[in-house]
Amino acid sequence: MERSKADNQNMRSQYLCYTDGACKKSKDTPGGWGIHIKVPNGEIIDQYGGAIKTSVSAMELTAIAEALEQLPERASAVIFSDSKSALDYCSVQILIWRRNQWVGCKDPNIKLLQEIDRLLTDKVLKIEWTWIRSHNGNPGNERADELAATGAREALKKVKSSTQSAL
Protein backbone atom coordinates (compact mmCIF):
# COMPACT_ATOMS: atom_id res chain seq x y z
CA MET A 1 0.00 0.00 0.00
CA GLU A 2 1.39 3.39 -0.97
CA ARG A 3 1.62 6.08 1.68
CA SER A 4 -0.11 9.41 1.16
CA LYS A 5 1.72 12.75 1.36
CA ALA A 6 0.18 13.32 4.81
CA ASP A 7 1.39 9.88 5.98
CA ASN A 8 4.92 10.61 4.75
CA GLN A 9 4.92 14.01 6.52
CA ASN A 10 3.72 12.35 9.72
CA MET A 11 6.53 9.75 9.48
CA ARG A 12 9.06 12.60 9.22
CA SER A 13 7.76 14.11 12.47
CA GLN A 14 7.79 10.81 14.34
CA TYR A 15 10.62 9.00 16.05
CA LEU A 16 11.19 5.68 14.30
CA CYS A 17 12.38 3.20 16.93
CA TYR A 18 13.65 -0.22 15.90
CA THR A 19 14.05 -2.56 18.86
CA ASP A 20 15.38 -6.09 19.21
CA GLY A 21 16.39 -8.63 21.81
CA ALA A 22 18.76 -11.58 21.50
CA CYS A 23 19.29 -14.63 23.67
CA LYS A 24 20.83 -18.00 22.73
CA LYS A 25 18.29 -19.99 24.72
CA SER A 26 14.83 -19.06 25.90
CA LYS A 27 15.79 -18.20 29.49
CA ASP A 28 18.51 -18.00 32.13
CA THR A 29 21.30 -17.38 29.62
CA PRO A 30 23.27 -14.30 28.52
CA GLY A 31 21.31 -11.99 26.25
CA GLY A 32 21.34 -8.58 24.68
CA TRP A 33 19.09 -5.77 23.53
CA GLY A 34 19.55 -3.15 20.83
CA ILE A 35 17.78 0.01 19.68
CA HIS A 36 18.18 2.01 16.49
CA ILE A 37 16.22 5.28 16.57
CA LYS A 38 15.75 7.72 13.71
CA VAL A 39 15.05 11.12 15.26
CA PRO A 40 12.85 13.53 13.25
CA ASN A 41 15.82 15.94 12.82
CA GLY A 42 17.84 13.18 11.12
CA GLU A 43 19.94 12.23 14.14
CA ILE A 44 20.48 8.51 14.78
CA ILE A 45 20.58 6.95 18.24
CA ASP A 46 22.14 3.48 18.50
CA GLN A 47 22.39 1.78 21.89
CA TYR A 48 22.78 -1.72 23.21
CA GLY A 49 23.26 -3.60 26.44
CA GLY A 50 23.00 -7.04 27.89
CA ALA A 51 22.35 -9.20 30.90
CA ILE A 52 24.13 -12.28 32.15
CA LYS A 53 21.07 -14.31 33.17
CA THR A 54 17.97 -13.35 31.19
CA SER A 55 15.39 -14.42 28.62
CA VAL A 56 14.65 -13.37 25.06
CA SER A 57 11.33 -11.93 26.23
CA ALA A 58 13.09 -9.80 28.86
CA MET A 59 15.57 -8.54 26.26
CA GLU A 60 12.79 -7.65 23.77
CA LEU A 61 10.96 -5.70 26.49
CA THR A 62 14.18 -4.07 27.71
CA ALA A 63 14.85 -2.82 24.18
CA ILE A 64 11.38 -1.26 24.08
CA ALA A 65 11.85 0.34 27.52
CA GLU A 66 15.24 1.73 26.48
CA ALA A 67 13.73 3.20 23.30
CA LEU A 68 10.91 4.84 25.28
CA GLU A 69 13.50 6.25 27.69
CA GLN A 70 15.13 8.09 24.77
CA LEU A 71 11.92 9.84 23.71
CA PRO A 72 11.09 13.35 24.90
CA GLU A 73 7.78 14.07 26.63
CA ARG A 74 4.72 14.06 24.36
CA ALA A 75 6.67 12.52 21.49
CA SER A 76 5.01 10.62 18.70
CA ALA A 77 6.85 7.44 17.75
CA VAL A 78 6.59 4.19 15.89
CA ILE A 79 8.05 1.25 17.79
CA PHE A 80 9.09 -1.49 15.38
CA SER A 81 9.68 -4.96 16.83
CA ASP A 82 9.95 -8.42 15.35
CA SER A 83 8.45 -9.83 18.57
CA LYS A 84 4.68 -10.12 18.34
CA SER A 85 4.49 -11.11 22.01
CA ALA A 86 6.42 -8.01 23.15
CA LEU A 87 4.13 -5.80 21.07
CA ASP A 88 1.06 -7.53 22.53
CA TYR A 89 2.37 -6.99 26.06
CA CYS A 90 2.89 -3.28 25.36
CA SER A 91 -0.24 -2.51 23.35
CA VAL A 92 -2.83 -4.76 25.05
CA GLN A 93 -1.71 -6.54 28.22
CA ILE A 94 -0.30 -3.49 29.99
CA LEU A 95 -3.67 -1.73 29.62
CA ILE A 96 -5.48 -4.70 31.18
CA TRP A 97 -3.00 -5.04 34.05
CA ARG A 98 -3.04 -1.29 34.70
CA ARG A 99 -6.85 -1.32 34.86
CA ASN A 100 -6.58 -4.15 37.42
CA GLN A 101 -3.84 -2.23 39.30
CA TRP A 102 -1.39 -5.04 38.42
CA VAL A 103 -3.22 -7.44 40.76
CA GLY A 104 -2.88 -11.02 39.54
CA CYS A 105 -0.05 -10.28 37.10
CA LYS A 106 2.39 -13.14 37.62
CA ASP A 107 4.49 -12.48 34.54
CA PRO A 108 8.23 -12.87 35.24
CA ASN A 109 8.79 -9.55 33.42
CA ILE A 110 6.36 -7.56 35.59
CA LYS A 111 8.99 -4.97 36.61
CA LEU A 112 9.90 -4.31 32.97
CA LEU A 113 6.23 -4.07 32.01
CA GLN A 114 5.56 -1.62 34.84
CA GLU A 115 8.56 0.46 33.74
CA ILE A 116 7.22 0.56 30.17
CA ASP A 117 3.81 1.57 31.52
CA ARG A 118 5.39 4.30 33.67
CA LEU A 119 7.33 5.71 30.70
CA LEU A 120 4.25 5.70 28.46
CA THR A 121 2.13 7.40 31.12
CA ASP A 122 4.61 9.87 32.62
CA LYS A 123 5.92 11.07 29.28
CA VAL A 124 2.44 11.09 27.66
CA LEU A 125 3.84 9.29 24.62
CA LYS A 126 1.85 8.61 21.48
CA ILE A 127 3.06 5.23 20.25
CA GLU A 128 2.21 3.22 17.16
CA TRP A 129 3.19 -0.41 17.80
CA THR A 130 4.32 -2.07 14.56
CA TRP A 131 5.40 -5.64 13.93
CA ILE A 132 8.18 -6.08 11.39
CA ARG A 133 9.41 -9.39 10.00
CA SER A 134 12.89 -10.25 11.27
CA HIS A 135 15.82 -10.59 8.88
CA ASN A 136 13.86 -9.15 5.95
CA GLY A 137 16.47 -6.61 4.90
CA ASN A 138 14.92 -3.60 6.63
CA PRO A 139 17.96 -1.46 7.54
CA GLY A 140 16.55 -0.25 10.88
CA ASN A 141 15.57 -3.73 12.00
CA GLU A 142 18.88 -5.21 10.84
CA ARG A 143 20.79 -2.54 12.80
CA ALA A 144 18.79 -3.20 15.98
CA ASP A 145 19.49 -6.92 15.50
CA GLU A 146 23.25 -6.26 15.16
CA LEU A 147 23.23 -4.14 18.31
CA ALA A 148 21.29 -6.78 20.29
CA ALA A 149 23.76 -9.44 19.14
CA THR A 150 26.64 -7.22 20.31
CA GLY A 151 25.00 -6.85 23.72
CA ALA A 152 24.54 -10.63 23.95
CA ARG A 153 28.18 -11.28 22.96
CA GLU A 154 29.43 -8.85 25.60
CA ALA A 155 27.23 -10.49 28.26
CA LEU A 156 28.59 -13.91 27.24
CA LYS A 157 32.18 -12.61 27.53
CA LYS A 158 31.42 -11.46 31.09
CA VAL A 159 30.13 -14.94 31.95
CA LYS A 160 33.20 -16.60 30.45
CA SER A 161 35.64 -14.23 32.18
CA SER A 162 33.93 -14.64 35.56
CA THR A 163 33.96 -18.43 35.11
CA GLN A 164 37.67 -18.42 34.25
CA SER A 165 38.58 -16.14 37.15
CA ALA A 166 36.68 -18.45 39.52
CA LEU A 167 38.88 -21.41 38.49
C-alpha atoms as a PDB file:
ATOM      1  CA  MET A   1       0.000   0.000   0.000  1.00  0.00           C
ATOM      2  CA  GLU A   2       1.386   3.395  -0.972  1.00  0.00           C
ATOM      3  CA  ARG A   3       1.623   6.084   1.678  1.00  0.00           C
ATOM      4  CA  SER A   4      -0.114   9.414   1.156  1.00  0.00           C
ATOM      5  CA  LYS A   5       1.721  12.751   1.360  1.00  0.00           C
ATOM      6  CA  ALA A   6       0.183  13.315   4.813  1.00  0.00           C
ATOM      7  CA  ASP A   7       1.386   9.878   5.981  1.00  0.00           C
ATOM      8  CA  ASN A   8       4.916  10.610   4.754  1.00  0.00           C
ATOM      9  CA  GLN A   9       4.917  14.005   6.519  1.00  0.00           C
ATOM     10  CA  ASN A  10       3.719  12.346   9.720  1.00  0.00           C
ATOM     11  CA  MET A  11       6.529   9.749   9.478  1.00  0.00           C
ATOM     12  CA  ARG A  12       9.061  12.604   9.223  1.00  0.00           C
ATOM     13  CA  SER A  13       7.756  14.114  12.473  1.00  0.00           C
ATOM     14  CA  GLN A  14       7.788  10.808  14.340  1.00  0.00           C
ATOM     15  CA  TYR A  15      10.618   9.004  16.049  1.00  0.00           C
ATOM     16  CA  LEU A  16      11.187   5.676  14.298  1.00  0.00           C
ATOM     17  CA  CYS A  17      12.377   3.204  16.933  1.00  0.00           C
ATOM     18  CA  TYR A  18      13.654  -0.217  15.902  1.00  0.00           C
ATOM     19  CA  THR A  19      14.046  -2.564  18.862  1.00  0.00           C
ATOM     20  CA  ASP A  20      15.383  -6.088  19.211  1.00  0.00           C
ATOM     21  CA  GLY A  21      16.391  -8.629  21.815  1.00  0.00           C
ATOM     22  CA  ALA A  22      18.757 -11.576  21.504  1.00  0.00           C
ATOM     23  CA  CYS A  23      19.292 -14.633  23.670  1.00  0.00           C
ATOM     24  CA  LYS A  24      20.831 -17.999  22.731  1.00  0.00           C
ATOM     25  CA  LYS A  25      18.288 -19.990  24.724  1.00  0.00           C
ATOM     26  CA  SER A  26      14.829 -19.062  25.895  1.00  0.00           C
ATOM     27  CA  LYS A  27      15.793 -18.199  29.493  1.00  0.00           C
ATOM     28  CA  ASP A  28      18.510 -17.995  32.132  1.00  0.00           C
ATOM     29  CA  THR A  29      21.302 -17.380  29.620  1.00  0.00           C
ATOM     30  CA  PRO A  30      23.271 -14.300  28.517  1.00  0.00           C
ATOM     31  CA  GLY A  31      21.312 -11.993  26.250  1.00  0.00           C
ATOM     32  CA  GLY A  32      21.343  -8.575  24.676  1.00  0.00           C
ATOM     33  CA  TRP A  33      19.090  -5.768  23.525  1.00  0.00           C
ATOM     34  CA  GLY A  34      19.548  -3.146  20.829  1.00  0.00           C
ATOM     35  CA  ILE A  35      17.784   0.010  19.678  1.00  0.00           C
ATOM     36  CA  HIS A  36      18.179   2.014  16.490  1.00  0.00           C
ATOM     37  CA  ILE A  37      16.220   5.280  16.575  1.00  0.00           C
ATOM     38  CA  LYS A  38      15.755   7.719  13.710  1.00  0.00           C
ATOM     39  CA  VAL A  39      15.046  11.116  15.264  1.00  0.00           C
ATOM     40  CA  PRO A  40      12.851  13.533  13.245  1.00  0.00           C
ATOM     41  CA  ASN A  41      15.821  15.935  12.825  1.00  0.00           C
ATOM     42  CA  GLY A  42      17.836  13.185  11.120  1.00  0.00           C
ATOM     43  CA  GLU A  43      19.937  12.227  14.140  1.00  0.00           C
ATOM     44  CA  ILE A  44      20.485   8.508  14.778  1.00  0.00           C
ATOM     45  CA  ILE A  45      20.580   6.952  18.244  1.00  0.00           C
ATOM     46  CA  ASP A  46      22.135   3.484  18.502  1.00  0.00           C
ATOM     47  CA  GLN A  47      22.393   1.782  21.887  1.00  0.00           C
ATOM     48  CA  TYR A  48      22.785  -1.722  23.209  1.00  0.00           C
ATOM     49  CA  GLY A  49      23.256  -3.601  26.436  1.00  0.00           C
ATOM     50  CA  GLY A  50      23.005  -7.040  27.886  1.00  0.00           C
ATOM     51  CA  ALA A  51      22.354  -9.198  30.895  1.00  0.00           C
ATOM     52  CA  ILE A  52      24.129 -12.283  32.149  1.00  0.00           C
ATOM     53  CA  LYS A  53      21.065 -14.306  33.166  1.00  0.00           C
ATOM     54  CA  THR A  54      17.974 -13.349  31.191  1.00  0.00           C
ATOM     55  CA  SER A  55      15.387 -14.420  28.618  1.00  0.00           C
ATOM     56  CA  VAL A  56      14.651 -13.370  25.059  1.00  0.00           C
ATOM     57  CA  SER A  57      11.328 -11.931  26.233  1.00  0.00           C
ATOM     58  CA  ALA A  58      13.088  -9.798  28.856  1.00  0.00           C
ATOM     59  CA  MET A  59      15.573  -8.536  26.255  1.00  0.00           C
ATOM     60  CA  GLU A  60      12.790  -7.646  23.768  1.00  0.00           C
ATOM     61  CA  LEU A  61      10.964  -5.698  26.494  1.00  0.00           C
ATOM     62  CA  THR A  62      14.183  -4.074  27.714  1.00  0.00           C
ATOM     63  CA  ALA A  63      14.847  -2.821  24.182  1.00  0.00           C
ATOM     64  CA  ILE A  64      11.378  -1.264  24.076  1.00  0.00           C
ATOM     65  CA  ALA A  65      11.848   0.337  27.521  1.00  0.00           C
ATOM     66  CA  GLU A  66      15.242   1.732  26.481  1.00  0.00           C
ATOM     67  CA  ALA A  67      13.734   3.197  23.296  1.00  0.00           C
ATOM     68  CA  LEU A  68      10.911   4.836  25.275  1.00  0.00           C
ATOM     69  CA  GLU A  69      13.496   6.245  27.687  1.00  0.00           C
ATOM     70  CA  GLN A  70      15.135   8.095  24.767  1.00  0.00           C
ATOM     71  CA  LEU A  71      11.922   9.837  23.713  1.00  0.00           C
ATOM     72  CA  PRO A  72      11.093  13.346  24.904  1.00  0.00           C
ATOM     73  CA  GLU A  73       7.780  14.066  26.625  1.00  0.00           C
ATOM     74  CA  ARG A  74       4.723  14.056  24.359  1.00  0.00           C
ATOM     75  CA  ALA A  75       6.675  12.520  21.492  1.00  0.00           C
ATOM     76  CA  SER A  76       5.011  10.623  18.702  1.00  0.00           C
ATOM     77  CA  ALA A  77       6.845   7.445  17.750  1.00  0.00           C
ATOM     78  CA  VAL A  78       6.594   4.188  15.887  1.00  0.00           C
ATOM     79  CA  ILE A  79       8.053   1.247  17.791  1.00  0.00           C
ATOM     80  CA  PHE A  80       9.094  -1.493  15.377  1.00  0.00           C
ATOM     81  CA  SER A  81       9.681  -4.958  16.831  1.00  0.00           C
ATOM     82  CA  ASP A  82       9.950  -8.423  15.351  1.00  0.00           C
ATOM     83  CA  SER A  83       8.454  -9.834  18.569  1.00  0.00           C
ATOM     84  CA  LYS A  84       4.683 -10.124  18.336  1.00  0.00           C
ATOM     85  CA  SER A  85       4.494 -11.112  22.008  1.00  0.00           C
ATOM     86  CA  ALA A  86       6.422  -8.006  23.146  1.00  0.00           C
ATOM     87  CA  LEU A  87       4.129  -5.798  21.070  1.00  0.00           C
ATOM     88  CA  ASP A  88       1.058  -7.533  22.525  1.00  0.00           C
ATOM     89  CA  TYR A  89       2.373  -6.990  26.056  1.00  0.00           C
ATOM     90  CA  CYS A  90       2.887  -3.280  25.363  1.00  0.00           C
ATOM     91  CA  SER A  91      -0.237  -2.514  23.350  1.00  0.00           C
ATOM     92  CA  VAL A  92      -2.827  -4.758  25.050  1.00  0.00           C
ATOM     93  CA  GLN A  93      -1.707  -6.544  28.215  1.00  0.00           C
ATOM     94  CA  ILE A  94      -0.296  -3.488  29.987  1.00  0.00           C
ATOM     95  CA  LEU A  95      -3.666  -1.727  29.618  1.00  0.00           C
ATOM     96  CA  ILE A  96      -5.477  -4.698  31.179  1.00  0.00           C
ATOM     97  CA  TRP A  97      -3.002  -5.041  34.046  1.00  0.00           C
ATOM     98  CA  ARG A  98      -3.044  -1.287  34.703  1.00  0.00           C
ATOM     99  CA  ARG A  99      -6.854  -1.319  34.861  1.00  0.00           C
ATOM    100  CA  ASN A 100      -6.577  -4.154  37.418  1.00  0.00           C
ATOM    101  CA  GLN A 101      -3.839  -2.231  39.303  1.00  0.00           C
ATOM    102  CA  TRP A 102      -1.388  -5.041  38.423  1.00  0.00           C
ATOM    103  CA  VAL A 103      -3.219  -7.444  40.759  1.00  0.00           C
ATOM    104  CA  GLY A 104      -2.877 -11.017  39.535  1.00  0.00           C
ATOM    105  CA  CYS A 105      -0.054 -10.285  37.104  1.00  0.00           C
ATOM    106  CA  LYS A 106       2.395 -13.137  37.622  1.00  0.00           C
ATOM    107  CA  ASP A 107       4.493 -12.475  34.541  1.00  0.00           C
ATOM    108  CA  PRO A 108       8.232 -12.867  35.240  1.00  0.00           C
ATOM    109  CA  ASN A 109       8.787  -9.554  33.424  1.00  0.00           C
ATOM    110  CA  ILE A 110       6.360  -7.556  35.589  1.00  0.00           C
ATOM    111  CA  LYS A 111       8.993  -4.972  36.611  1.00  0.00           C
ATOM    112  CA  LEU A 112       9.899  -4.308  32.966  1.00  0.00           C
ATOM    113  CA  LEU A 113       6.230  -4.067  32.011  1.00  0.00           C
ATOM    114  CA  GLN A 114       5.558  -1.623  34.844  1.00  0.00           C
ATOM    115  CA  GLU A 115       8.562   0.457  33.736  1.00  0.00           C
ATOM    116  CA  ILE A 116       7.218   0.563  30.166  1.00  0.00           C
ATOM    117  CA  ASP A 117       3.805   1.567  31.517  1.00  0.00           C
ATOM    118  CA  ARG A 118       5.394   4.304  33.669  1.00  0.00           C
ATOM    119  CA  LEU A 119       7.329   5.710  30.695  1.00  0.00           C
ATOM    120  CA  LEU A 120       4.250   5.702  28.462  1.00  0.00           C
ATOM    121  CA  THR A 121       2.133   7.398  31.122  1.00  0.00           C
ATOM    122  CA  ASP A 122       4.606   9.868  32.624  1.00  0.00           C
ATOM    123  CA  LYS A 123       5.918  11.067  29.276  1.00  0.00           C
ATOM    124  CA  VAL A 124       2.439  11.090  27.657  1.00  0.00           C
ATOM    125  CA  LEU A 125       3.837   9.285  24.624  1.00  0.00           C
ATOM    126  CA  LYS A 126       1.852   8.610  21.477  1.00  0.00           C
ATOM    127  CA  ILE A 127       3.059   5.227  20.248  1.00  0.00           C
ATOM    128  CA  GLU A 128       2.206   3.224  17.165  1.00  0.00           C
ATOM    129  CA  TRP A 129       3.186  -0.411  17.802  1.00  0.00           C
ATOM    130  CA  THR A 130       4.324  -2.070  14.561  1.00  0.00           C
ATOM    131  CA  TRP A 131       5.400  -5.643  13.926  1.00  0.00           C
ATOM    132  CA  ILE A 132       8.182  -6.084  11.393  1.00  0.00           C
ATOM    133  CA  ARG A 133       9.405  -9.393   9.997  1.00  0.00           C
ATOM    134  CA  SER A 134      12.888 -10.252  11.267  1.00  0.00           C
ATOM    135  CA  HIS A 135      15.822 -10.590   8.878  1.00  0.00           C
ATOM    136  CA  ASN A 136      13.861  -9.154   5.947  1.00  0.00           C
ATOM    137  CA  GLY A 137      16.474  -6.611   4.898  1.00  0.00           C
ATOM    138  CA  ASN A 138      14.916  -3.601   6.632  1.00  0.00           C
ATOM    139  CA  PRO A 139      17.964  -1.462   7.541  1.00  0.00           C
ATOM    140  CA  GLY A 140      16.549  -0.250  10.880  1.00  0.00           C
ATOM    141  CA  ASN A 141      15.569  -3.727  11.995  1.00  0.00           C
ATOM    142  CA  GLU A 142      18.878  -5.205  10.845  1.00  0.00           C
ATOM    143  CA  ARG A 143      20.792  -2.542  12.797  1.00  0.00           C
ATOM    144  CA  ALA A 144      18.790  -3.203  15.982  1.00  0.00           C
ATOM    145  CA  ASP A 145      19.490  -6.923  15.505  1.00  0.00           C
ATOM    146  CA  GLU A 146      23.248  -6.262  15.159  1.00  0.00           C
ATOM    147  CA  LEU A 147      23.225  -4.136  18.306  1.00  0.00           C
ATOM    148  CA  ALA A 148      21.293  -6.776  20.287  1.00  0.00           C
ATOM    149  CA  ALA A 149      23.765  -9.438  19.142  1.00  0.00           C
ATOM    150  CA  THR A 150      26.644  -7.221  20.315  1.00  0.00           C
ATOM    151  CA  GLY A 151      24.998  -6.854  23.722  1.00  0.00           C
ATOM    152  CA  ALA A 152      24.543 -10.629  23.954  1.00  0.00           C
ATOM    153  CA  ARG A 153      28.177 -11.280  22.963  1.00  0.00           C
ATOM    154  CA  GLU A 154      29.427  -8.852  25.603  1.00  0.00           C
ATOM    155  CA  ALA A 155      27.232 -10.489  28.263  1.00  0.00           C
ATOM    156  CA  LEU A 156      28.587 -13.909  27.244  1.00  0.00           C
ATOM    157  CA  LYS A 157      32.179 -12.610  27.531  1.00  0.00           C
ATOM    158  CA  LYS A 158      31.424 -11.460  31.085  1.00  0.00           C
ATOM    159  CA  VAL A 159      30.127 -14.938  31.949  1.00  0.00           C
ATOM    160  CA  LYS A 160      33.201 -16.598  30.445  1.00  0.00           C
ATOM    161  CA  SER A 161      35.641 -14.233  32.176  1.00  0.00           C
ATOM    162  CA  SER A 162      33.932 -14.642  35.562  1.00  0.00           C
ATOM    163  CA  THR A 163      33.955 -18.431  35.115  1.00  0.00           C
ATOM    164  CA  GLN A 164      37.667 -18.424  34.245  1.00  0.00           C
ATOM    165  CA  SER A 165      38.581 -16.143  37.147  1.00  0.00           C
ATOM    166  CA  ALA A 166      36.683 -18.448  39.520  1.00  0.00           C
ATOM    167  CA  LEU A 167      38.876 -21.406  38.492  1.00  0.00           C
END
